[in-house]
Protein backbone atom coordinates (compact mmCIF):
# COMPACT_ATOMS: atom_id res chain seq x y z
CA MET A 1 -20.36 12.49 46.66
CA MET A 2 -19.32 14.43 43.58
CA ASP A 3 -15.81 12.95 43.83
CA ILE A 4 -17.25 9.41 43.85
CA MET A 5 -19.44 10.17 40.81
CA ASN A 6 -16.49 11.66 38.94
CA PHE A 7 -14.41 8.60 39.79
CA PHE A 8 -17.06 6.21 38.46
CA SER A 9 -17.53 8.36 35.35
CA HIS A 10 -13.82 8.10 34.57
CA VAL A 11 -13.86 4.35 35.21
CA CYS A 12 -16.83 3.91 32.85
CA ILE A 13 -15.14 5.95 30.14
CA PHE A 14 -11.94 3.92 30.54
CA ILE A 15 -13.86 0.61 30.36
CA LEU A 16 -15.73 1.84 27.27
CA PHE A 17 -12.42 2.80 25.66
CA LEU A 18 -10.95 -0.64 26.40
CA PHE A 19 -14.06 -2.32 25.00
CA MET A 20 -13.86 -0.32 21.75
CA LEU A 21 -10.13 -0.97 21.50
CA LEU A 22 -10.61 -4.72 21.90
CA LYS A 23 -13.34 -4.67 19.26
CA VAL A 24 -11.03 -2.86 16.85
CA ILE A 25 -8.26 -5.39 17.48
CA ASP A 26 -10.66 -8.32 17.11
CA LYS A 27 -12.07 -6.84 13.89
CA SER A 28 -8.54 -6.35 12.58
CA LYS A 29 -7.69 -10.00 13.31
CA THR A 30 -10.91 -11.21 11.68
CA GLN A 31 -10.32 -9.15 8.55
CA LYS A 32 -6.75 -10.43 8.44
CA SER A 33 -7.83 -14.05 8.56
CA ASN A 34 -10.42 -13.61 5.79
CA SER A 35 -8.32 -11.37 3.54
CA LYS A 36 -5.81 -12.09 0.79
CA LEU A 37 -3.79 -9.12 2.02
CA PRO A 38 -0.38 -9.79 3.60
CA PRO A 39 -0.25 -10.15 7.39
CA GLY A 40 0.74 -7.44 9.82
CA PRO A 41 0.54 -6.46 13.50
CA TRP A 42 -2.61 -5.12 15.15
CA LYS A 43 -3.53 -1.54 14.33
CA LEU A 44 -5.43 1.42 15.75
CA PRO A 45 -8.01 3.71 14.16
CA PHE A 46 -6.52 6.74 12.41
CA LEU A 47 -2.93 5.78 13.33
CA GLY A 48 -2.97 2.39 11.68
CA HIS A 49 0.38 0.81 12.56
CA LEU A 50 2.27 4.03 13.30
CA HIS A 51 2.40 3.20 17.01
CA HIS A 52 4.66 0.24 16.14
CA MET A 53 7.18 2.52 14.42
CA GLY A 54 9.75 3.66 16.95
CA GLY A 55 13.52 4.04 16.81
CA LEU A 56 15.47 3.28 13.66
CA PRO A 57 13.06 2.25 10.86
CA HIS A 58 15.28 -0.49 9.38
CA HIS A 59 15.66 -2.06 12.83
CA THR A 60 11.97 -1.74 13.71
CA LEU A 61 10.83 -3.22 10.40
CA ARG A 62 13.28 -6.12 10.77
CA ASP A 63 11.91 -6.89 14.25
CA LEU A 64 8.30 -6.75 13.01
CA ALA A 65 9.18 -9.05 10.10
CA LYS A 66 10.53 -11.65 12.53
CA LYS A 67 7.05 -11.82 14.08
CA HIS A 68 4.82 -11.38 11.02
CA GLY A 69 6.85 -12.68 8.10
CA PRO A 70 9.03 -11.36 5.25
CA LEU A 71 6.03 -9.79 3.49
CA MET A 72 3.98 -7.45 5.69
CA LEU A 73 1.31 -4.88 5.04
CA LEU A 74 1.38 -1.87 7.35
CA GLN A 75 -1.12 0.97 7.43
CA LEU A 76 1.01 4.05 8.13
CA GLY A 77 -1.63 6.66 8.76
CA GLU A 78 -3.75 6.47 5.63
CA VAL A 79 -1.04 4.88 3.48
CA PRO A 80 -0.96 1.10 2.89
CA THR A 81 2.71 0.14 2.89
CA LEU A 82 4.18 -3.20 1.80
CA ILE A 83 7.31 -4.19 3.74
CA VAL A 84 9.69 -6.67 2.10
CA SER A 85 12.40 -8.19 4.30
CA SER A 86 13.60 -11.34 2.53
CA PRO A 87 15.68 -11.88 -0.63
CA ARG A 88 13.13 -14.35 -2.02
CA VAL A 89 10.25 -11.87 -1.86
CA ALA A 90 12.50 -8.98 -2.94
CA LYS A 91 13.32 -10.87 -6.13
CA GLU A 92 9.63 -11.33 -6.89
CA VAL A 93 8.90 -7.65 -6.31
CA LEU A 94 12.01 -6.08 -7.88
CA LYS A 95 12.54 -8.50 -10.77
CA VAL A 96 9.37 -10.43 -11.64
CA HIS A 97 7.07 -7.44 -10.96
CA ASP A 98 9.65 -4.69 -11.49
CA THR A 99 7.48 -2.73 -13.94
CA VAL A 100 4.46 -2.87 -11.62
CA PHE A 101 6.55 -1.34 -8.82
CA ALA A 102 8.54 1.06 -11.00
CA ASP A 103 6.80 4.22 -9.77
CA ARG A 104 7.62 6.46 -6.82
CA PRO A 105 5.09 7.80 -4.31
CA ALA A 106 4.34 11.52 -4.57
CA LEU A 107 6.02 12.49 -1.30
CA LEU A 108 5.89 16.11 -0.15
CA ALA A 109 9.63 15.92 0.49
CA ALA A 110 10.29 14.85 -3.08
CA LYS A 111 7.97 17.42 -4.65
CA THR A 112 9.59 20.28 -2.77
CA GLY A 113 13.16 19.10 -2.95
CA THR A 114 13.27 17.85 -6.54
CA TYR A 115 11.56 20.73 -8.32
CA ASN A 116 8.24 18.92 -8.69
CA PHE A 117 9.60 15.39 -9.28
CA THR A 118 12.00 16.34 -12.09
CA ASP A 119 14.98 14.33 -10.79
CA ILE A 120 16.03 10.75 -11.56
CA ILE A 121 15.14 9.34 -8.12
CA PHE A 122 11.54 10.52 -7.72
CA SER A 123 10.37 11.33 -11.25
CA PRO A 124 7.30 9.24 -12.24
CA PHE A 125 7.85 6.12 -14.32
CA GLY A 126 7.51 7.10 -17.97
CA LYS A 127 9.18 8.78 -20.93
CA TYR A 128 10.89 11.57 -18.97
CA TRP A 129 12.27 9.14 -16.36
CA ARG A 130 13.60 6.85 -19.12
CA GLN A 131 15.39 9.82 -20.67
CA LEU A 132 17.02 10.72 -17.34
CA ARG A 133 18.02 7.11 -16.73
CA LYS A 134 19.66 6.96 -20.17
CA ILE A 135 21.60 10.18 -19.46
CA CYS A 136 22.81 8.79 -16.13
CA PHE A 137 23.92 5.38 -17.39
CA GLN A 138 25.34 6.50 -20.75
CA GLU A 139 26.74 9.94 -19.92
CA LEU A 140 27.07 10.85 -16.24
CA PHE A 141 27.86 7.55 -14.49
CA SER A 142 29.14 5.28 -17.26
CA VAL A 143 32.30 3.20 -16.81
CA LYS A 144 34.11 5.53 -19.23
CA LYS A 145 32.97 8.65 -17.36
CA VAL A 146 34.05 7.25 -14.00
CA GLN A 147 37.48 6.42 -15.47
CA LEU A 148 37.78 9.96 -16.87
CA MET A 149 37.14 11.32 -13.36
CA TRP A 150 40.25 9.56 -12.02
CA SER A 151 42.48 12.65 -12.07
CA ILE A 152 39.87 14.68 -10.17
CA ARG A 153 39.40 11.98 -7.54
CA ASP A 154 43.13 11.35 -7.15
CA GLU A 155 43.96 15.05 -6.84
CA GLU A 156 41.32 15.73 -4.20
CA VAL A 157 42.25 12.64 -2.18
CA SER A 158 45.92 13.69 -2.35
CA ASN A 159 44.92 17.11 -1.00
CA LEU A 160 43.23 15.36 1.91
CA ILE A 161 46.33 13.23 2.57
CA GLU A 162 48.49 16.39 2.68
CA LYS A 163 46.08 17.98 5.14
CA ILE A 164 46.12 14.91 7.40
CA TYR A 165 49.93 14.76 7.12
CA SER A 166 50.17 18.31 8.50
CA MET A 167 47.98 17.32 11.46
CA ALA A 168 49.51 13.90 12.21
CA GLY A 169 49.44 12.94 15.88
CA SER A 170 46.36 15.05 16.60
CA PRO A 171 42.76 13.81 16.94
CA LEU A 172 40.91 14.37 13.65
CA ASN A 173 37.20 14.37 12.91
CA MET A 174 37.28 11.91 10.03
CA SER A 175 33.52 12.16 9.45
CA GLU A 176 33.85 15.85 8.62
CA MET A 177 37.01 15.44 6.55
CA VAL A 178 35.64 12.58 4.45
CA ASN A 179 32.36 14.44 3.87
CA SER A 180 34.32 17.47 2.72
CA VAL A 181 36.57 15.65 0.22
CA SER A 182 33.63 13.66 -1.16
CA ASN A 183 31.83 16.93 -1.79
CA ASP A 184 34.90 18.40 -3.50
CA ILE A 185 35.17 15.41 -5.85
CA ILE A 186 31.52 15.53 -6.89
CA SER A 187 31.50 19.33 -7.12
CA ARG A 188 34.42 19.31 -9.56
CA ALA A 189 32.89 16.45 -11.54
CA ALA A 190 29.56 18.29 -11.78
CA PHE A 191 30.65 21.91 -12.22
CA GLY A 192 34.34 21.77 -13.10
CA LYS A 193 35.26 23.55 -9.85
CA LYS A 194 34.81 23.27 -6.12
CA CYS A 195 31.58 24.37 -4.53
CA LYS A 196 31.31 27.90 -3.15
CA ASP A 197 30.23 28.11 0.50
CA LYS A 198 30.88 24.39 0.91
CA GLU A 199 29.95 24.22 4.59
CA ALA A 200 26.55 25.81 3.98
CA PHE A 201 25.95 23.53 1.01
CA LEU A 202 26.89 20.39 2.97
CA SER A 203 24.59 21.46 5.79
CA LEU A 204 21.76 21.96 3.31
CA MET A 205 22.32 18.57 1.68
CA HIS A 206 22.37 16.76 5.03
CA GLU A 207 19.21 18.57 6.12
CA SER A 208 17.37 17.66 2.93
CA MET A 209 18.44 14.01 3.19
CA SER A 210 17.38 13.87 6.83
CA LEU A 211 13.97 15.37 6.17
CA ALA A 212 13.37 13.23 3.10
CA GLY A 213 14.31 10.11 5.03
CA GLY A 214 11.66 10.85 7.64
CA PHE A 215 8.89 11.76 5.15
CA ASP A 216 8.18 14.78 7.33
CA LEU A 217 8.64 18.00 5.39
CA ALA A 218 7.15 21.42 5.43
CA ASP A 219 10.00 23.75 4.53
CA LEU A 220 12.69 21.62 2.95
CA TYR A 221 14.77 24.42 1.47
CA PRO A 222 14.73 27.60 3.54
CA SER A 223 17.69 28.81 1.46
CA LYS A 224 16.39 28.13 -2.05
CA LYS A 225 17.90 31.30 -3.49
CA PHE A 226 21.28 30.26 -2.13
CA LEU A 227 20.97 26.85 -3.82
CA HIS A 228 20.11 28.49 -7.14
CA GLY A 229 23.26 30.59 -6.89
CA ILE A 230 25.47 27.55 -6.36
CA ILE A 231 24.35 25.67 -9.43
CA GLU A 232 24.31 28.40 -12.02
CA ASP A 233 27.30 26.75 -13.74
CA VAL A 234 25.33 23.50 -14.45
CA VAL A 235 26.54 20.32 -16.09
CA ASP A 236 28.02 20.68 -19.55
CA VAL A 237 26.87 17.20 -20.51
CA ILE A 238 23.18 17.99 -20.13
CA LEU A 239 23.54 21.39 -21.79
CA ARG A 240 25.28 19.79 -24.76
CA LEU A 241 22.52 17.21 -25.14
CA ASN A 242 19.96 19.99 -24.89
CA GLU A 243 21.67 22.21 -27.45
CA ASP A 244 22.17 19.34 -29.89
CA ASN A 245 18.45 18.48 -29.68
CA GLU A 246 19.31 14.92 -28.58
CA LEU A 247 16.66 14.92 -25.84
CA ALA A 248 13.07 13.95 -26.59
CA ILE A 249 11.97 16.14 -23.67
CA PRO A 250 13.97 19.40 -23.28
CA MET A 251 15.68 19.94 -19.90
CA GLU A 252 14.82 23.23 -18.23
CA ASN A 253 16.86 24.82 -15.42
CA ASP A 254 14.81 23.14 -12.67
CA ASN A 255 15.26 19.73 -14.31
CA ILE A 256 19.02 20.22 -14.43
CA LYS A 257 19.16 21.40 -10.80
CA ALA A 258 17.22 18.33 -9.69
CA VAL A 259 19.61 16.00 -11.53
CA ILE A 260 22.62 17.79 -10.03
CA GLN A 261 21.16 17.30 -6.57
CA ASN A 262 20.94 13.57 -7.31
CA ILE A 263 24.61 13.58 -8.33
CA PHE A 264 25.59 15.06 -4.98
CA ILE A 265 23.42 12.64 -3.01
CA ALA A 266 24.53 9.56 -4.97
CA GLY A 267 28.20 10.47 -5.27
CA SER A 268 28.90 12.42 -2.09
CA ASP A 269 26.56 11.52 0.77
CA THR A 270 26.43 7.78 0.13
CA SER A 271 30.17 7.52 -0.62
CA SER A 272 31.24 9.35 2.52
CA THR A 273 28.82 7.27 4.59
CA ALA A 274 30.32 4.02 3.28
CA ILE A 275 33.89 5.26 3.81
CA ILE A 276 33.22 6.23 7.43
CA TRP A 277 31.49 2.92 8.20
CA GLY A 278 34.37 1.09 6.50
CA LEU A 279 36.94 2.93 8.63
CA SER A 280 34.84 2.28 11.73
CA GLU A 281 34.68 -1.45 11.06
CA LEU A 282 38.42 -1.57 10.37
CA MET A 283 39.14 0.17 13.68
CA ARG A 284 36.91 -2.36 15.44
CA ASN A 285 38.65 -5.27 13.70
CA PRO A 286 42.47 -4.90 13.89
CA ARG A 287 43.02 -8.23 12.11
CA VAL A 288 41.16 -6.98 9.05
CA MET A 289 42.91 -3.59 9.22
CA GLU A 290 46.36 -5.22 9.27
CA LYS A 291 45.51 -7.53 6.38
CA ALA A 292 44.14 -4.65 4.26
CA GLN A 293 47.13 -2.39 4.97
CA THR A 294 49.61 -5.17 4.20
CA GLU A 295 48.03 -5.70 0.79
CA ILE A 296 47.82 -1.98 -0.03
CA ARG A 297 51.41 -1.28 0.99
CA LYS A 298 52.70 -4.25 -0.97
CA VAL A 299 50.98 -2.96 -4.13
CA PHE A 300 51.73 0.77 -3.65
CA ASP A 301 55.28 0.76 -2.25
CA GLY A 302 57.93 1.91 -4.71
CA LYS A 303 55.51 3.39 -7.24
CA GLU A 304 55.84 7.03 -8.21
CA THR A 305 52.18 7.35 -9.09
CA ILE A 306 49.06 5.33 -8.38
CA ASN A 307 46.43 4.69 -11.04
CA GLN A 308 43.18 2.76 -11.37
CA SER A 309 44.95 -0.46 -12.35
CA ASP A 310 46.74 -0.40 -8.97
CA ILE A 311 43.42 -0.02 -7.16
CA ASN A 312 42.10 -2.97 -9.16
CA GLU A 313 44.91 -5.12 -7.71
CA LEU A 314 43.60 -4.59 -4.18
CA LYS A 315 41.47 -7.73 -3.99
CA TYR A 316 41.18 -7.80 -0.21
CA LEU A 317 40.24 -4.11 -0.03
CA ASN A 318 37.43 -4.88 -2.47
CA LEU A 319 36.21 -7.55 -0.05
CA VAL A 320 36.34 -4.99 2.77
CA VAL A 321 34.21 -2.57 0.75
CA ARG A 322 31.68 -5.27 -0.11
CA GLU A 323 31.41 -6.39 3.51
CA THR A 324 30.98 -2.77 4.61
CA LEU A 325 28.09 -2.35 2.18
CA ARG A 326 26.50 -5.58 3.43
CA LEU A 327 26.43 -4.44 7.05
CA HIS A 328 25.89 -0.76 6.26
CA PRO A 329 23.90 -0.22 3.04
CA PRO A 330 23.89 3.59 2.68
CA THR A 331 20.13 4.16 2.94
CA GLY A 332 19.23 1.12 5.06
CA ILE A 333 15.86 0.84 3.37
CA ILE A 334 15.60 1.33 -0.38
CA PRO A 335 13.81 4.57 -1.38
CA PRO A 336 10.05 3.84 -1.51
CA ARG A 337 8.23 2.71 -4.63
CA GLU A 338 4.53 2.57 -5.44
CA CYS A 339 2.39 -0.19 -6.93
CA ARG A 340 1.02 0.96 -10.32
CA GLU A 341 -1.65 -1.75 -10.59
CA THR A 342 -3.16 -4.46 -8.41
CA CYS A 343 -1.00 -7.58 -8.48
CA GLU A 344 -0.25 -10.78 -6.57
CA ILE A 345 2.96 -11.25 -4.59
CA ASP A 346 3.74 -14.52 -2.82
CA GLY A 347 0.06 -15.49 -2.94
CA TYR A 348 -1.17 -12.18 -1.48
CA GLU A 349 -3.13 -9.44 -3.24
CA ILE A 350 -1.37 -6.07 -3.38
CA PRO A 351 -3.77 -3.20 -4.17
CA LYS A 352 -2.90 -0.44 -6.61
CA GLY A 353 -1.38 2.57 -4.86
CA THR A 354 0.30 0.52 -2.13
CA ARG A 355 3.65 1.94 -1.12
CA LEU A 356 6.66 -0.43 -1.18
CA ILE A 357 9.60 -0.44 1.24
CA VAL A 358 12.42 -2.98 0.82
CA ASN A 359 14.63 -3.43 3.89
CA ALA A 360 18.08 -3.94 2.34
CA TRP A 361 19.70 -3.67 5.77
CA ALA A 362 17.68 -6.62 7.13
CA MET A 363 18.41 -8.78 4.09
CA GLY A 364 22.15 -8.16 4.40
CA ARG A 365 21.95 -9.58 7.93
CA ASP A 366 19.55 -12.46 7.27
CA PRO A 367 20.98 -15.59 8.99
CA GLU A 368 19.25 -17.78 6.40
CA TYR A 369 21.63 -16.38 3.75
CA TRP A 370 24.67 -15.26 5.76
CA SER A 371 26.69 -17.14 8.36
CA ASN A 372 27.51 -15.06 11.46
CA PRO A 373 25.64 -12.16 9.84
CA GLU A 374 26.51 -9.58 12.53
CA ARG A 375 30.26 -10.14 12.21
CA PHE A 376 32.52 -8.09 9.96
CA GLU A 377 34.17 -10.83 7.86
CA PRO A 378 35.35 -9.67 4.40
CA GLU A 379 36.53 -13.20 3.61
CA ARG A 380 32.90 -14.32 3.21
CA PHE A 381 33.00 -12.75 -0.29
CA GLN A 382 36.28 -14.39 -1.29
CA ASP A 383 35.04 -17.42 -3.19
CA VAL A 384 31.51 -16.34 -4.12
CA SER A 385 30.15 -14.41 -7.07
CA ILE A 386 27.73 -12.25 -5.04
CA ASP A 387 27.84 -8.65 -6.27
CA TYR A 388 26.17 -5.33 -5.40
CA LYS A 389 24.84 -4.68 -8.92
CA GLY A 390 21.28 -5.77 -8.20
CA THR A 391 21.21 -9.40 -9.33
CA ASP A 392 21.84 -11.06 -5.93
CA PHE A 393 18.85 -10.12 -3.83
CA GLU A 394 20.37 -11.02 -0.47
CA TYR A 395 22.80 -8.17 -1.15
CA ILE A 396 21.29 -5.03 -2.69
CA PRO A 397 22.91 -2.00 -1.00
CA PHE A 398 22.16 0.11 -4.11
CA GLY A 399 18.74 -1.38 -4.83
CA ALA A 400 17.75 -3.51 -7.81
CA GLY A 401 15.68 -3.37 -10.96
CA ARG A 402 14.84 -0.31 -13.03
CA ARG A 403 15.05 2.04 -10.07
CA MET A 404 18.41 0.96 -8.68
CA CYS A 405 20.99 3.66 -7.96
CA PRO A 406 22.59 4.79 -11.27
CA GLY A 407 25.68 6.20 -9.52
CA LEU A 408 26.93 3.01 -7.87
CA LEU A 409 30.09 2.75 -10.03
CA LEU A 410 31.19 6.27 -9.08
CA GLY A 411 30.29 5.71 -5.44
CA VAL A 412 32.30 2.49 -5.12
CA ALA A 413 35.26 4.02 -7.01
CA ASN A 414 35.38 6.90 -4.51
CA VAL A 415 35.17 4.52 -1.55
CA GLU A 416 37.99 2.27 -2.79
CA LEU A 417 40.38 5.12 -3.62
CA LEU A 418 39.87 7.02 -0.38
CA LEU A 419 40.18 3.96 1.84
CA ALA A 420 43.27 2.78 -0.06
CA LYS A 421 45.09 6.11 0.35
CA LEU A 422 44.09 6.54 4.00
CA LEU A 423 45.29 3.04 4.89
CA TYR A 424 48.48 3.35 2.85
CA HIS A 425 49.80 6.65 4.19
CA PHE A 426 48.80 6.36 7.84
CA ASP A 427 48.44 4.03 10.78
CA TRP A 428 45.39 4.87 12.86
CA LYS A 429 44.34 4.68 16.48
CA LEU A 430 41.22 5.63 18.41
CA THR A 431 41.08 8.73 20.59
CA ASP A 432 40.95 8.74 24.41
CA GLY A 433 42.69 5.38 24.61
CA LEU A 434 39.60 3.48 23.50
CA ALA A 435 39.95 -0.24 22.82
CA PRO A 436 38.61 -1.45 19.43
CA GLU A 437 35.54 -3.09 20.98
CA GLU A 438 34.68 0.17 22.80
CA LEU A 439 34.11 2.17 19.61
CA ASP A 440 30.51 3.42 19.57
CA MET A 441 28.76 2.10 16.44
CA THR A 442 25.32 3.60 17.16
CA GLU A 443 23.40 4.57 14.02
CA VAL A 444 21.08 7.45 13.25
CA PHE A 445 18.69 7.45 10.29
CA GLY A 446 18.15 10.48 8.08
CA GLY A 447 17.86 9.49 4.44
CA VAL A 448 21.21 7.74 4.82
CA VAL A 449 22.25 5.68 7.86
CA VAL A 450 25.19 7.45 9.49
CA ARG A 451 27.13 7.25 12.74
CA LYS A 452 25.40 8.98 15.63
CA VAL A 453 28.80 10.13 16.90
CA ASP A 454 31.42 11.40 14.45
CA LEU A 455 34.42 9.12 13.93
CA LYS A 456 37.53 10.68 15.49
CA LEU A 457 40.93 9.09 14.90
CA ILE A 458 44.62 9.89 15.43
CA PRO A 459 46.88 9.35 12.38
CA ALA A 460 50.54 8.33 12.51
CA ILE A 461 52.55 8.75 9.29
CA TYR A 462 53.58 5.57 7.48
CA ARG A 463 54.45 7.06 4.08
CA PRO A 464 54.52 10.81 3.35
CA LEU A 465 52.72 11.71 0.13
CA ALA A 466 55.95 12.69 -1.67
CA ALA A 467 57.53 9.33 -0.91
CA GLN A 468 54.91 7.53 -2.93
CA THR A 469 53.86 10.03 -5.57
């Protein structure tokens, strides 16, 4: 008898739960129909829409946008979050209402990892952020500064080529090697010398990016003292500006450390990610690989030294880089912003404090703007003026507006040089006899969107380093 009573009790509780759940869903639909808020999927108490978020966020958000439109409002826990997935709406948010959405949310990850929001990426919109932005665009990442870094970049890439030359014919972990040389370039540009304990530093940077990408941080830097030891040498540029009293707001040690961290993320992590995806796509597309190598070898052959003007001649390689960034924008989704005041977007009311996420990955694959969007076709950029500098909203791998990535010129310069040298000096094949179409292209998200499985290739020498330089 007790078993029967227990059974009916459980049934009643289950029916009551279903009834309450249906009421919540019905209430959500009713509120949606009567509200000026953007649409979104059904939600649960406490969780909001978190139960819809599974797998890779840029994929999940793209799939939700297909059902609910290019402008969605999700309730992620307690946080209202605006999801933008179309170039048309992105232009309205990032250009027309750029100032309204110029702030960053106060994420725990950012507070811990950027010395209380003192970096360029997460510092609040205002006088201090404007000062940092000016330093980045006029001093650290200007066209002139990137050109002056040529010798550093060329020397470190040449060191990599020598290392690969000594290991020709053997399987190489290109993901690790490209990460390492990218770190060396940025370390020398930032400190004037290579980073001590590079492996530990790279591990720390990847961990911080991964945690920040997931917005799930408790102990971001377990080795804070170690990090302080690495960056005691600090950037001469910022110190000079400080000493000459050219800064309206003085830069303390923590401010400088936060900016240096941005330099590594912008110049090292994102560059190496783009290079590895570019190599991966070239290995999957032998036609494109052959065309790129033919151009590079035609331009480089017979020259004792290579300089920036030679890289500028590589028109097809530039198309390859642009197509790589379309399919594989480094962060997938642009770092979140926050609405500073209530505004109207596309006819919907956006409350103050709403978090903003722009899905650059989805827009780069939008069939309304791109033909055969899933194919790797560099030629699509051949006769168009679409650029990655934030004015063409179907293609914003580095963001757009006031908060776009300040280090894009340095990042692209590193990508072009490294790819050019790798394709010039070596022919490449996949390990284990894999056919091009068998290469695993699975992604994993952790601040930047990287390969789940490291890229391993076997080099065969085409031109030894001494024969060209």
